[in-house]
Structure formats: C-alpha cells, structure tokens
C-alpha cells in the first residue's frame, strides 16, 4: 500500500512519523475496453464507475469477470493493475509479479513485470510451491479420489491384462503337462478350451529338444 508522509497533530504536538494512504488513482487497462484499474488494486467499469467484485481463485490470485465487446472474459486483478500502471510487458510471456510475493497485494507500486525465470526463482514462490506439493501429496494419500475417465479405463485395462496373464500362465503349465502325458495338440485344445494355434505355439516355444524327442514332438504336433 502506498503512503504519503505527513504530520498530524495531537493537541500542540506534531507527529512526523504519521502516514496517510495515498489517494486512489484510476487508469484504463489497455486492450480491455472500458475496464479500469486503480493504484489500490481495484477494478471498475470506466463508464458506470461500478467497482467489480474480486474473488480468490484456486491459485491464490484475485480475479473477476467482465464483458469486453459483448464477450465475457475473466482476468487476474494483479495483471490488470500492472498493465494499467506499467504498460505492456516487454515480452508476451512475462509475468505480472508481486514485489513482496503476496498474491493479494495488488497495489500498483507492488507490481512489476518479470521474466518467467525471474518470477519462478522467487524464494517465497518456490517455498510456497513446495508446501503446496507436499500438501497435495498428503491429501491424496489420506483421501484418494475415485478414478474416472481415462485413468479409470486404464486401471480397468491393466487389471484385465493381469488377469489374462495369470490365466495364460496357468494354461501354459497345464498344456505342457497334458502334452507330456501323451495327448495331441487337438486333444489339449479341446480339453482346456483354447485355440489349436495357441496350444501349438506354447508347446513349440516350451524348450529345445534333440533327436528322437524332436521327431516325436513333430509327429504329435501334426496330429
């Protein structure tokens, strides 16, 4: 908040360290129609003088909604103040930054344009992000949200895949066991309800054999 040094009297004594708030100044926000921002961080309709209500968003910034050329728009108050009192940013991706790192302190003298690198390296911002990340992790562990959409379909698909893998593993062992007992591929396929090609592939890839064993296996695979 801006203050103007002055003196105030209490009886016959002056108080040189008394400060009074600086007068509120309003300026147009370039590119936002009739929207005006004040040096105290407020926003209003420049035509009617109606002061807009600000709400705290999920990121901790004050924002509002308004109409520009018949279209509804939302904007963060701190960026509107920075545009009105400090002009357009040097580059399109620059941030309207708070000098004191207080996201709700939107007075004009507390705002400045910073590059993304400068703004993200702010120690207060880094500390706040770390706390937020730790809190999100703790909340997620304590109150896991039910899966929905893509995450739900992915989890269900993974569960089905694991079930099929387990079933295939059991079938693999049974196929080899029946084959070692002397049954043919067709007999095994009928017994376990699997495709002939699947049973044949399991037996073929089950291991290497030589000589008479290979010849016997080839004959039974052809059966």
Protein backbone atom coordinates (compact mmCIF):
# COMPACT_ATOMS: atom_id res chain seq x y z
CA UNK A 1 0.00 0.00 0.00
CA UNK A 2 1.24 3.47 -0.83
CA UNK A 3 1.50 6.08 1.90
CA UNK A 4 2.24 9.78 1.88
CA UNK A 5 4.41 11.09 4.75
CA UNK A 6 2.70 13.92 6.59
CA UNK A 7 2.32 15.34 10.06
CA UNK A 8 -0.69 15.04 12.31
CA UNK A 9 -1.30 16.99 15.44
CA UNK A 10 -2.43 15.71 18.78
CA UNK A 11 -3.01 18.81 20.81
CA UNK A 12 0.01 21.07 20.32
CA UNK A 13 2.41 18.29 19.25
CA UNK A 14 3.12 17.23 15.66
CA UNK A 15 3.79 13.58 14.84
CA UNK A 16 6.29 13.44 11.94
CA UNK A 17 6.04 9.65 11.56
CA UNK A 18 2.33 9.56 10.78
CA UNK A 19 1.47 8.33 7.29
CA UNK A 20 -1.82 8.51 5.46
CA UNK A 21 -2.80 6.36 2.47
CA UNK A 22 -2.02 7.79 -0.96
CA UNK A 23 -5.08 8.85 -2.96
CA UNK A 24 -6.52 6.17 -5.22
CA UNK A 25 -5.75 6.73 -8.90
CA UNK A 26 -7.69 5.06 -11.72
CA UNK A 27 -6.29 4.25 -15.17
CA UNK A 28 -7.61 2.44 -18.22
CA UNK A 29 -6.38 -1.10 -18.86
CA UNK A 30 -5.06 -1.28 -22.44
CA UNK A 31 -6.83 -3.86 -24.56
CA UNK A 32 -9.72 -4.40 -22.12
CA UNK A 33 -12.38 -1.96 -23.29
CA UNK A 34 -13.87 0.16 -20.52
CA UNK A 35 -12.07 -1.69 -17.74
CA UNK A 36 -10.11 0.50 -15.33
CA UNK A 37 -7.65 -0.47 -12.59
CA UNK A 38 -6.76 1.56 -9.53
CA UNK A 39 -3.46 2.14 -7.79
CA UNK A 40 -5.00 0.32 -4.81
CA UNK A 41 -5.61 -2.86 -6.81
CA UNK A 42 -9.31 -2.47 -7.52
CA UNK A 43 -11.11 -2.81 -10.88
CA UNK A 44 -14.15 -0.97 -12.18
CA UNK A 45 -16.27 -0.21 -15.22
CA UNK A 46 -14.88 3.07 -16.53
CA UNK A 47 -18.25 4.14 -17.95
CA UNK A 48 -20.53 3.47 -14.99
CA UNK A 49 -17.95 3.61 -12.20
CA UNK A 50 -19.19 0.26 -10.89
CA UNK A 51 -16.42 -1.43 -8.85
CA UNK A 52 -16.10 -5.10 -9.76
CA UNK A 53 -16.15 -7.80 -7.11
CA UNK A 54 -12.91 -9.76 -6.83
CA UNK A 55 -12.77 -13.43 -5.93
CA UNK A 56 -9.86 -15.57 -4.82
CA UNK A 57 -9.11 -18.29 -7.38
CA UNK A 58 -7.53 -21.68 -6.75
CA UNK A 59 -4.04 -20.26 -7.33
CA UNK A 60 -4.44 -17.61 -4.64
CA UNK A 61 -4.90 -14.65 -7.02
CA UNK A 62 -7.79 -12.19 -7.02
CA UNK A 63 -9.77 -12.31 -10.25
CA UNK A 64 -13.03 -11.05 -11.71
CA UNK A 65 -15.25 -11.37 -14.76
CA UNK A 66 -16.46 -8.67 -17.15
CA UNK A 67 -17.70 -8.08 -20.69
CA UNK A 68 -15.49 -6.75 -23.48
CA UNK A 69 -17.11 -6.11 -26.88
CA UNK A 70 -20.01 -8.36 -25.96
CA UNK A 71 -17.80 -11.26 -24.86
CA UNK A 72 -17.42 -12.48 -21.29
CA UNK A 73 -13.84 -12.52 -20.05
CA UNK A 74 -12.06 -13.27 -16.79
CA UNK A 75 -8.79 -11.72 -15.68
CA UNK A 76 -6.50 -11.59 -12.69
CA UNK A 77 -6.56 -8.23 -10.94
CA UNK A 78 -2.78 -8.05 -10.46
CA UNK A 79 -2.14 -8.32 -14.19
CA UNK A 80 -4.75 -5.66 -14.98
CA UNK A 81 -3.09 -3.28 -12.49
CA UNK A 82 0.32 -3.97 -13.98
CA UNK A 83 -0.98 -3.26 -17.49
CA UNK A 84 -2.64 -0.02 -16.41
CA UNK A 85 0.29 1.41 -14.43
CA UNK A 86 3.37 -0.19 -16.00
CA UNK A 87 2.28 -0.58 -19.61
CA UNK A 88 2.55 -3.65 -21.79
CA UNK A 89 5.12 -6.31 -20.80
CA UNK A 90 8.47 -6.33 -22.65
CA UNK A 91 7.59 -9.81 -23.94
CA UNK A 92 4.28 -11.64 -24.24
CA UNK A 93 5.28 -14.40 -21.81
CA UNK A 94 6.40 -12.09 -18.97
CA UNK A 95 4.56 -12.30 -15.65
CA UNK A 96 2.93 -9.59 -13.56
CA UNK A 97 4.88 -10.19 -10.35
CA UNK A 98 4.33 -9.06 -6.76
CA UNK A 99 7.45 -7.48 -5.25
CA UNK A 100 6.54 -8.74 -1.77
CA UNK A 101 5.33 -12.15 -3.07
CA UNK A 102 1.86 -11.52 -1.58
CA UNK A 103 -0.57 -12.59 -4.31
CA UNK A 104 -3.40 -10.47 -2.92
CA UNK A 105 -1.37 -7.25 -2.54
CA UNK A 106 -2.20 -5.72 -5.92
CA UNK A 107 -1.23 -2.09 -5.34
CA UNK A 108 0.44 -0.54 -8.36
CA UNK A 109 3.71 0.16 -6.55
CA UNK A 110 3.92 -3.53 -5.56
CA UNK A 111 3.64 -4.78 -9.14
CA UNK A 112 6.32 -5.18 -11.81
CA UNK A 113 6.95 -7.18 -14.97
CA UNK A 114 9.30 -10.14 -14.57
CA UNK A 115 10.54 -12.80 -16.94
CA UNK A 116 9.26 -16.34 -16.27
CA UNK A 117 12.72 -17.28 -14.99
CA UNK A 118 12.83 -14.37 -12.53
CA UNK A 119 9.31 -14.97 -11.25
CA UNK A 120 9.74 -18.73 -10.81
CA UNK A 121 13.05 -18.30 -8.97
CA UNK A 122 11.44 -16.13 -6.28
CA UNK A 123 12.33 -17.92 -2.99
CA UNK A 124 8.90 -17.28 -1.48
CA UNK A 125 7.22 -18.67 -4.58
CA UNK A 126 9.48 -21.74 -4.56
CA UNK A 127 8.77 -22.36 -0.86
CA UNK A 128 5.01 -21.91 -1.39
CA UNK A 129 5.05 -24.38 -4.30
CA UNK A 130 6.96 -26.93 -2.21
CA UNK A 131 4.43 -26.68 0.62
CA UNK A 132 1.56 -26.93 -1.87
CA UNK A 133 3.06 -30.04 -3.49
CA UNK A 134 3.56 -31.69 -0.10
CA UNK A 135 0.00 -30.84 0.91
CA UNK A 136 -1.43 -32.22 -2.35
CA UNK A 137 0.52 -35.44 -1.84
CA UNK A 138 -0.64 -35.78 1.79
CA UNK A 139 -4.26 -35.04 0.84
CA UNK A 140 -4.10 -37.57 -1.99
CA UNK A 141 -2.82 -40.30 0.33
CA UNK A 142 -5.37 -39.52 3.02
CA UNK A 143 -8.34 -39.00 0.67
CA UNK A 144 -7.73 -40.83 -2.61
CA UNK A 145 -10.13 -39.70 -5.31
CA UNK A 146 -12.12 -42.30 -7.25
CA UNK A 147 -10.73 -42.87 -10.71
CA UNK A 148 -12.68 -41.53 -13.66
CA UNK A 149 -12.34 -41.12 -17.40
CA UNK A 150 -9.06 -42.21 -18.97
CA UNK A 151 -7.46 -43.11 -15.62
CA UNK A 152 -10.36 -45.43 -14.81
CA UNK A 153 -10.27 -47.13 -18.22
CA UNK A 154 -6.50 -47.54 -17.96
CA UNK A 155 -6.76 -49.12 -14.49
CA UNK A 156 -9.51 -51.48 -15.66
CA UNK A 157 -7.49 -52.45 -18.74
CA UNK A 158 -4.44 -53.13 -16.60
CA UNK A 159 -6.49 -55.32 -14.26
CA UNK A 160 -7.88 -57.31 -17.20
CA UNK A 161 -4.38 -57.71 -18.61
CA UNK A 162 -3.08 -59.04 -15.30
CA UNK A 163 -5.99 -61.48 -15.09
CA UNK A 164 -5.37 -62.73 -18.63
CA UNK A 165 -1.66 -63.04 -17.92
CA UNK A 166 -2.34 -65.12 -14.81
CA UNK A 167 -4.79 -67.32 -16.74
CA UNK A 168 -2.29 -67.78 -19.57
CA UNK A 169 0.37 -68.80 -17.08
CA UNK A 170 -1.92 -71.47 -15.62
CA UNK A 171 -2.89 -72.69 -19.11
CA UNK A 172 0.77 -72.81 -20.13
CA UNK A 173 1.62 -75.21 -17.32
CA UNK A 174 -1.45 -77.36 -17.99
CA UNK A 175 -0.76 -77.54 -21.74
CA UNK A 176 2.77 -78.80 -21.18
CA UNK A 177 1.58 -81.25 -18.54
CA UNK A 178 -1.06 -82.75 -20.85
CA UNK A 179 1.38 -82.86 -23.75
CA UNK A 180 3.93 -84.68 -21.61
CA UNK A 181 1.21 -87.19 -20.75
CA UNK A 182 0.94 -88.02 -24.44
CA UNK A 183 -2.09 -86.04 -25.59
CA UNK A 184 -2.14 -84.43 -29.05
CA UNK A 185 -2.49 -80.70 -29.72
CA UNK A 186 -6.12 -81.06 -30.78
CA UNK A 187 -6.99 -83.09 -27.67
CA UNK A 188 -5.38 -80.47 -25.41
CA UNK A 189 -7.09 -77.57 -27.20
CA UNK A 190 -10.47 -79.26 -26.78
CA UNK A 191 -9.81 -80.10 -23.13
CA UNK A 192 -8.84 -76.61 -21.99
CA UNK A 193 -10.97 -74.61 -24.42
CA UNK A 194 -8.11 -72.78 -26.13
CA UNK A 195 -7.36 -72.32 -29.81
CA UNK A 196 -5.37 -75.01 -31.61
CA UNK A 197 -2.76 -72.40 -32.70
CA UNK A 198 -2.33 -71.18 -29.13
CA UNK A 199 -1.68 -74.67 -27.78
CA UNK A 200 0.73 -75.46 -30.60
CA UNK A 201 2.66 -72.22 -30.02
CA UNK A 202 3.04 -72.92 -26.28
CA UNK A 203 4.40 -76.39 -26.96
CA UNK A 204 6.73 -75.25 -29.74
CA UNK A 205 8.25 -72.48 -27.62
CA UNK A 206 8.45 -74.53 -24.43
CA UNK A 207 12.11 -75.53 -24.87
CA UNK A 208 14.68 -77.17 -27.11
CA UNK A 209 14.87 -80.92 -27.70
CA UNK A 210 17.08 -83.08 -29.88
CA UNK A 211 16.95 -86.28 -31.87
CA UNK A 212 14.10 -88.68 -31.25
CA UNK A 213 12.31 -86.26 -28.90
CA UNK A 214 12.11 -83.62 -31.66
CA UNK A 215 10.82 -86.20 -34.17
CA UNK A 216 8.19 -87.47 -31.73
CA UNK A 217 7.10 -83.93 -30.91
CA UNK A 218 6.78 -83.03 -34.60
CA UNK A 219 4.59 -86.04 -35.23
CA UNK A 220 2.27 -85.21 -32.33
CA UNK A 221 2.09 -81.53 -33.27
CA UNK A 222 0.94 -82.55 -36.71
CA UNK A 223 -1.77 -84.76 -35.25
